[in-house]
Amino acid sequence: MNDLSELIDQIKKLSPENQARLADHVAFLQWQEAQAQTKTGQGWSFSFIERFKEAAVYASERPAGMDVKLAPAVVGGESRPALWAHPPLTGQTVIEYHVPIPRQLGQIQLRLAIGIRDGADIDADNLVAFSVKVNGARVWGRQSNAQSWQEAAIPLDLSSGDMVRIAFCTEALNNHQWTWAVWGEPEVSGVIPAQ
């Protein structure tokens, strides 16, 4: 049964209980593969929280109304270390890092969460544009006003052995008030193959 469409048809015929058991088994197999990759290579990561002092913080236009800092953020009742990135009255807040990518690094991924901090009285039609740029090119984005953490895992095609610019940008799309945007625990990770 090498044809995925046949496999999917077979899965659809299973009871909901057996589909849940199969999902658990698939998760276990994925965990096993991740463990095997870790054993065959060395994990590497770059925490944007830990390296906040190295970041360049600026507004794309004027900084009036912008508020950026490193602090725990409570979103949906859950506290996480975060980059606070309240956008300015006009334009974007930009938090930019220079990230050294080790030679031979593979499986590069950016993991993060976004949200609006608890206590914000943000209107339902008031959105914040969250975007990630690598060397000036947008690689990910989402518009949201959710007061719950929204996770994202973004595969990155980066040149190993190079220095890249990674920027976290926020912009108020309607009204600047209550756009208490935060980036929860952003981190780039990858694997360096064993020698």
C-alpha atoms as a PDB file:
ATOM      1  CA  MET A   1       0.000   0.000   0.000  1.00  0.00           C
ATOM      2  CA  ASN A   2       2.455   2.646  -1.247  1.00  0.00           C
ATOM      3  CA  ASP A   3      -0.213   4.876  -2.764  1.00  0.00           C
ATOM      4  CA  LEU A   4      -1.137   7.589  -0.237  1.00  0.00           C
ATOM      5  CA  SER A   5      -4.660   7.921  -1.601  1.00  0.00           C
ATOM      6  CA  GLU A   6      -5.307   4.220  -0.801  1.00  0.00           C
ATOM      7  CA  LEU A   7      -3.923   4.727   2.696  1.00  0.00           C
ATOM      8  CA  ILE A   8      -6.111   7.780   3.277  1.00  0.00           C
ATOM      9  CA  ASP A   9      -9.183   5.828   2.100  1.00  0.00           C
ATOM     10  CA  GLN A  10      -8.338   3.046   4.568  1.00  0.00           C
ATOM     11  CA  ILE A  11      -7.924   5.551   7.415  1.00  0.00           C
ATOM     12  CA  LYS A  12     -11.307   7.106   6.641  1.00  0.00           C
ATOM     13  CA  LYS A  13     -12.923   3.678   7.086  1.00  0.00           C
ATOM     14  CA  LEU A  14     -11.613   3.336  10.647  1.00  0.00           C
ATOM     15  CA  SER A  15     -13.754   4.175  13.656  1.00  0.00           C
ATOM     16  CA  PRO A  16     -13.061   7.526  15.374  1.00  0.00           C
ATOM     17  CA  GLU A  17     -11.437   5.655  18.265  1.00  0.00           C
ATOM     18  CA  ASN A  18      -9.060   3.797  15.946  1.00  0.00           C
ATOM     19  CA  GLN A  19      -8.301   7.006  14.017  1.00  0.00           C
ATOM     20  CA  ALA A  20      -7.262   8.567  17.351  1.00  0.00           C
ATOM     21  CA  ARG A  21      -5.065   5.535  18.125  1.00  0.00           C
ATOM     22  CA  LEU A  22      -3.505   5.820  14.667  1.00  0.00           C
ATOM     23  CA  ALA A  23      -2.826   9.540  15.239  1.00  0.00           C
ATOM     24  CA  ASP A  24      -1.058   8.643  18.500  1.00  0.00           C
ATOM     25  CA  HIS A  25       1.033   6.047  16.671  1.00  0.00           C
ATOM     26  CA  VAL A  26       1.964   8.545  13.943  1.00  0.00           C
ATOM     27  CA  ALA A  27       3.026  11.038  16.634  1.00  0.00           C
ATOM     28  CA  PHE A  28       5.177   8.315  18.211  1.00  0.00           C
ATOM     29  CA  LEU A  29       6.818   7.515  14.844  1.00  0.00           C
ATOM     30  CA  GLN A  30       7.539  11.231  14.300  1.00  0.00           C
ATOM     31  CA  TRP A  31       9.098  11.412  17.770  1.00  0.00           C
ATOM     32  CA  GLN A  32      11.288   8.383  16.957  1.00  0.00           C
ATOM     33  CA  GLU A  33      12.497  10.037  13.735  1.00  0.00           C
ATOM     34  CA  ALA A  34      13.284  13.263  15.607  1.00  0.00           C
ATOM     35  CA  GLN A  35      15.270  11.277  18.199  1.00  0.00           C
ATOM     36  CA  ALA A  36      17.202   9.513  15.431  1.00  0.00           C
ATOM     37  CA  GLN A  37      18.045  12.874  13.811  1.00  0.00           C
ATOM     38  CA  THR A  38      19.245  14.257  17.136  1.00  0.00           C
ATOM     39  CA  LYS A  39      21.528  11.231  17.583  1.00  0.00           C
ATOM     40  CA  THR A  40      23.005  11.660  14.107  1.00  0.00           C
ATOM     41  CA  GLY A  41      23.585  15.384  14.493  1.00  0.00           C
ATOM     42  CA  GLN A  42      24.007  18.193  16.958  1.00  0.00           C
ATOM     43  CA  GLY A  43      21.101  20.493  17.719  1.00  0.00           C
ATOM     44  CA  TRP A  44      21.617  24.266  17.408  1.00  0.00           C
ATOM     45  CA  SER A  45      19.364  27.165  18.354  1.00  0.00           C
ATOM     46  CA  PHE A  46      19.287  30.968  18.510  1.00  0.00           C
ATOM     47  CA  SER A  47      16.918  32.450  21.094  1.00  0.00           C
ATOM     48  CA  PHE A  48      15.674  35.930  20.202  1.00  0.00           C
ATOM     49  CA  ILE A  49      14.623  36.362  23.840  1.00  0.00           C
ATOM     50  CA  GLU A  50      18.127  35.673  25.185  1.00  0.00           C
ATOM     51  CA  ARG A  51      19.747  37.885  22.514  1.00  0.00           C
ATOM     52  CA  PHE A  52      17.340  40.849  22.807  1.00  0.00           C
ATOM     53  CA  LYS A  53      20.136  43.266  23.786  1.00  0.00           C
ATOM     54  CA  GLU A  54      21.718  42.641  20.359  1.00  0.00           C
ATOM     55  CA  ALA A  55      18.547  43.587  18.449  1.00  0.00           C
ATOM     56  CA  ALA A  56      18.096  46.779  16.457  1.00  0.00           C
ATOM     57  CA  VAL A  57      14.704  48.290  17.315  1.00  0.00           C
ATOM     58  CA  TYR A  58      13.194  50.957  15.059  1.00  0.00           C
ATOM     59  CA  ALA A  59      10.034  52.223  13.369  1.00  0.00           C
ATOM     60  CA  SER A  60       9.604  51.990   9.606  1.00  0.00           C
ATOM     61  CA  GLU A  61       8.223  55.550   9.672  1.00  0.00           C
ATOM     62  CA  ARG A  62       7.927  57.573  12.897  1.00  0.00           C
ATOM     63  CA  PRO A  63       8.246  55.945  16.355  1.00  0.00           C
ATOM     64  CA  ALA A  64       5.363  57.881  17.981  1.00  0.00           C
ATOM     65  CA  GLY A  65       3.233  55.401  19.937  1.00  0.00           C
ATOM     66  CA  MET A  66       5.685  52.513  19.552  1.00  0.00           C
ATOM     67  CA  ASP A  67       6.522  50.430  22.646  1.00  0.00           C
ATOM     68  CA  VAL A  68       9.122  47.651  22.473  1.00  0.00           C
ATOM     69  CA  LYS A  69      10.639  45.707  25.353  1.00  0.00           C
ATOM     70  CA  LEU A  70      11.515  42.264  26.625  1.00  0.00           C
ATOM     71  CA  ALA A  71       9.146  41.041  29.354  1.00  0.00           C
ATOM     72  CA  PRO A  72       6.816  38.192  30.256  1.00  0.00           C
ATOM     73  CA  ALA A  73       3.500  38.536  28.422  1.00  0.00           C
ATOM     74  CA  VAL A  74       0.182  37.075  29.535  1.00  0.00           C
ATOM     75  CA  VAL A  75      -1.961  36.044  26.582  1.00  0.00           C
ATOM     76  CA  GLY A  76      -5.095  33.954  27.098  1.00  0.00           C
ATOM     77  CA  GLY A  77      -4.125  33.594  30.754  1.00  0.00           C
ATOM     78  CA  GLU A  78      -0.751  31.991  29.891  1.00  0.00           C
ATOM     79  CA  SER A  79       2.520  33.811  30.601  1.00  0.00           C
ATOM     80  CA  ARG A  80       5.530  33.404  28.296  1.00  0.00           C
ATOM     81  CA  PRO A  81       8.804  35.268  27.804  1.00  0.00           C
ATOM     82  CA  ALA A  82       8.095  37.645  24.925  1.00  0.00           C
ATOM     83  CA  LEU A  83       9.123  40.527  22.723  1.00  0.00           C
ATOM     84  CA  TRP A  84       6.561  43.301  23.229  1.00  0.00           C
ATOM     85  CA  ALA A  85       6.006  45.078  19.900  1.00  0.00           C
ATOM     86  CA  HIS A  86       3.203  47.637  20.183  1.00  0.00           C
ATOM     87  CA  PRO A  87       3.141  49.269  16.721  1.00  0.00           C
ATOM     88  CA  PRO A  88       3.514  53.027  16.195  1.00  0.00           C
ATOM     89  CA  LEU A  89       0.685  55.339  15.091  1.00  0.00           C
ATOM     90  CA  THR A  90       1.725  54.757  11.464  1.00  0.00           C
ATOM     91  CA  GLY A  91       4.051  52.189   9.942  1.00  0.00           C
ATOM     92  CA  GLN A  92       5.716  49.198  11.525  1.00  0.00           C
ATOM     93  CA  THR A  93       7.619  48.338  14.658  1.00  0.00           C
ATOM     94  CA  VAL A  94      10.736  46.414  13.614  1.00  0.00           C
ATOM     95  CA  ILE A  95      12.872  44.237  15.910  1.00  0.00           C
ATOM     96  CA  GLU A  96      15.822  43.079  13.819  1.00  0.00           C
ATOM     97  CA  TYR A  97      18.628  40.632  14.602  1.00  0.00           C
ATOM     98  CA  HIS A  98      21.800  39.528  12.849  1.00  0.00           C
ATOM     99  CA  VAL A  99      21.872  35.739  13.189  1.00  0.00           C
ATOM    100  CA  PRO A 100      25.011  33.685  12.426  1.00  0.00           C
ATOM    101  CA  ILE A 101      24.001  30.440  10.696  1.00  0.00           C
ATOM    102  CA  PRO A 102      26.557  27.665  11.402  1.00  0.00           C
ATOM    103  CA  ARG A 103      28.143  25.788   8.516  1.00  0.00           C
ATOM    104  CA  GLN A 104      26.296  22.650   7.399  1.00  0.00           C
ATOM    105  CA  LEU A 105      23.209  23.572   9.435  1.00  0.00           C
ATOM    106  CA  GLY A 106      20.109  21.828   8.101  1.00  0.00           C
ATOM    107  CA  GLN A 107      16.434  21.452   9.015  1.00  0.00           C
ATOM    108  CA  ILE A 108      16.326  25.157   9.869  1.00  0.00           C
ATOM    109  CA  GLN A 109      13.067  26.292  11.425  1.00  0.00           C
ATOM    110  CA  LEU A 110      11.721  29.390  13.179  1.00  0.00           C
ATOM    111  CA  ARG A 111       9.275  28.643  15.993  1.00  0.00           C
ATOM    112  CA  LEU A 112       7.220  31.389  17.611  1.00  0.00           C
ATOM    113  CA  ALA A 113       3.843  32.360  18.988  1.00  0.00           C
ATOM    114  CA  ILE A 114       1.946  35.601  18.469  1.00  0.00           C
ATOM    115  CA  GLY A 115      -0.882  37.219  20.370  1.00  0.00           C
ATOM    116  CA  ILE A 116      -2.443  40.319  21.887  1.00  0.00           C
ATOM    117  CA  ARG A 117      -1.781  40.681  25.620  1.00  0.00           C
ATOM    118  CA  ASP A 118      -4.581  40.168  28.112  1.00  0.00           C
ATOM    119  CA  GLY A 119      -6.259  43.397  29.189  1.00  0.00           C
ATOM    120  CA  ALA A 120      -6.255  44.956  25.731  1.00  0.00           C
ATOM    121  CA  ASP A 121      -9.675  46.337  24.834  1.00  0.00           C
ATOM    122  CA  ILE A 122      -9.087  45.768  21.127  1.00  0.00           C
ATOM    123  CA  ASP A 123     -12.052  46.077  18.748  1.00  0.00           C
ATOM    124  CA  ALA A 124     -13.117  43.034  16.737  1.00  0.00           C
ATOM    125  CA  ASP A 125     -12.351  44.818  13.449  1.00  0.00           C
ATOM    126  CA  ASN A 126      -8.965  46.117  14.630  1.00  0.00           C
ATOM    127  CA  LEU A 127      -6.160  43.841  13.404  1.00  0.00           C
ATOM    128  CA  VAL A 128      -2.408  43.727  13.816  1.00  0.00           C
ATOM    129  CA  ALA A 129      -0.225  42.565  10.919  1.00  0.00           C
ATOM    130  CA  PHE A 130       2.551  40.296  12.211  1.00  0.00           C
ATOM    131  CA  SER A 131       5.329  39.510   9.737  1.00  0.00           C
ATOM    132  CA  VAL A 132       8.784  37.952   9.701  1.00  0.00           C
ATOM    133  CA  LYS A 133      11.391  39.133   7.211  1.00  0.00           C
ATOM    134  CA  VAL A 134      14.665  37.444   6.326  1.00  0.00           C
ATOM    135  CA  ASN A 135      17.212  39.732   4.654  1.00  0.00           C
ATOM    136  CA  GLY A 136      14.362  42.138   3.883  1.00  0.00           C
ATOM    137  CA  ALA A 137      12.085  39.575   2.211  1.00  0.00           C
ATOM    138  CA  ARG A 138       8.820  38.623   3.926  1.00  0.00           C
ATOM    139  CA  VAL A 139       8.789  34.870   4.705  1.00  0.00           C
ATOM    140  CA  TRP A 140       5.745  34.679   6.978  1.00  0.00           C
ATOM    141  CA  GLY A 141       2.803  36.796   8.017  1.00  0.00           C
ATOM    142  CA  ARG A 142      -0.555  36.741   9.752  1.00  0.00           C
ATOM    143  CA  GLN A 143      -3.217  39.318  10.602  1.00  0.00           C
ATOM    144  CA  SER A 144      -4.762  38.830  14.013  1.00  0.00           C
ATOM    145  CA  ASN A 145      -6.279  40.410  17.093  1.00  0.00           C
ATOM    146  CA  ALA A 146      -6.593  37.123  19.006  1.00  0.00           C
ATOM    147  CA  GLN A 147      -5.992  37.236  22.728  1.00  0.00           C
ATOM    148  CA  SER A 148      -4.698  33.656  22.706  1.00  0.00           C
ATOM    149  CA  TRP A 149      -1.271  32.340  21.761  1.00  0.00           C
ATOM    150  CA  GLN A 150      -1.094  31.318  18.094  1.00  0.00           C
ATOM    151  CA  GLU A 151       1.814  29.000  17.357  1.00  0.00           C
ATOM    152  CA  ALA A 152       3.789  28.947  14.115  1.00  0.00           C
ATOM    153  CA  ALA A 153       6.653  26.787  12.833  1.00  0.00           C
ATOM    154  CA  ILE A 154       8.246  28.304   9.736  1.00  0.00           C
ATOM    155  CA  PRO A 155      10.801  26.327   7.697  1.00  0.00           C
ATOM    156  CA  LEU A 156      13.615  28.624   6.565  1.00  0.00           C
ATOM    157  CA  ASP A 157      15.827  28.200   3.515  1.00  0.00           C
ATOM    158  CA  LEU A 158      19.004  29.859   4.772  1.00  0.00           C
ATOM    159  CA  SER A 159      22.603  29.657   3.582  1.00  0.00           C
ATOM    160  CA  SER A 160      24.683  27.892   6.208  1.00  0.00           C
ATOM    161  CA  GLY A 161      27.870  29.642   7.243  1.00  0.00           C
ATOM    162  CA  ASP A 162      26.290  33.047   6.581  1.00  0.00           C
ATOM    163  CA  MET A 163      24.987  35.980   8.646  1.00  0.00           C
ATOM    164  CA  VAL A 164      21.278  36.684   8.053  1.00  0.00           C
ATOM    165  CA  ARG A 165      18.978  39.505   9.153  1.00  0.00           C
ATOM    166  CA  ILE A 166      15.748  38.304  10.755  1.00  0.00           C
ATOM    167  CA  ALA A 167      13.156  40.955  11.595  1.00  0.00           C
ATOM    168  CA  PHE A 168       9.895  40.734  13.551  1.00  0.00           C
ATOM    169  CA  CYS A 169       7.459  43.413  12.363  1.00  0.00           C
ATOM    170  CA  THR A 170       4.072  44.537  13.675  1.00  0.00           C
ATOM    171  CA  GLU A 171       1.697  47.100  12.205  1.00  0.00           C
ATOM    172  CA  ALA A 172      -1.732  48.364  13.278  1.00  0.00           C
ATOM    173  CA  LEU A 173      -4.106  47.888  10.332  1.00  0.00           C
ATOM    174  CA  ASN A 174      -6.931  50.052  11.661  1.00  0.00           C
ATOM    175  CA  ASN A 175      -6.589  51.835  14.969  1.00  0.00           C
ATOM    176  CA  HIS A 176      -3.292  51.928  16.869  1.00  0.00           C
ATOM    177  CA  GLN A 177      -5.031  51.768  20.281  1.00  0.00           C
ATOM    178  CA  TRP A 178      -4.920  48.492  22.250  1.00  0.00           C
ATOM    179  CA  THR A 179      -2.701  46.755  19.674  1.00  0.00           C
ATOM    180  CA  TRP A 180      -0.635  45.148  22.429  1.00  0.00           C
ATOM    181  CA  ALA A 181       1.197  42.770  20.097  1.00  0.00           C
ATOM    182  CA  VAL A 182       3.725  40.251  21.418  1.00  0.00           C
ATOM    183  CA  TRP A 183       6.026  37.571  19.996  1.00  0.00           C
ATOM    184  CA  GLY A 184       6.224  34.593  22.361  1.00  0.00           C
ATOM    185  CA  GLU A 185       9.518  32.693  22.676  1.00  0.00           C
ATOM    186  CA  PRO A 186      10.795  33.132  19.092  1.00  0.00           C
ATOM    187  CA  GLU A 187      13.706  30.815  18.301  1.00  0.00           C
ATOM    188  CA  VAL A 188      15.548  29.536  15.214  1.00  0.00           C
ATOM    189  CA  SER A 189      16.799  25.971  15.417  1.00  0.00           C
ATOM    190  CA  GLY A 190      18.480  23.411  13.191  1.00  0.00           C
ATOM    191  CA  VAL A 191      20.691  20.339  13.137  1.00  0.00           C
ATOM    192  CA  ILE A 192      24.415  20.125  12.337  1.00  0.00           C
ATOM    193  CA  PRO A 193      25.204  16.649  10.917  1.00  0.00           C
ATOM    194  CA  ALA A 194      27.552  14.456  12.938  1.00  0.00           C
ATOM    195  CA  GLN A 195      31.093  14.270  11.565  1.00  0.00           C
END
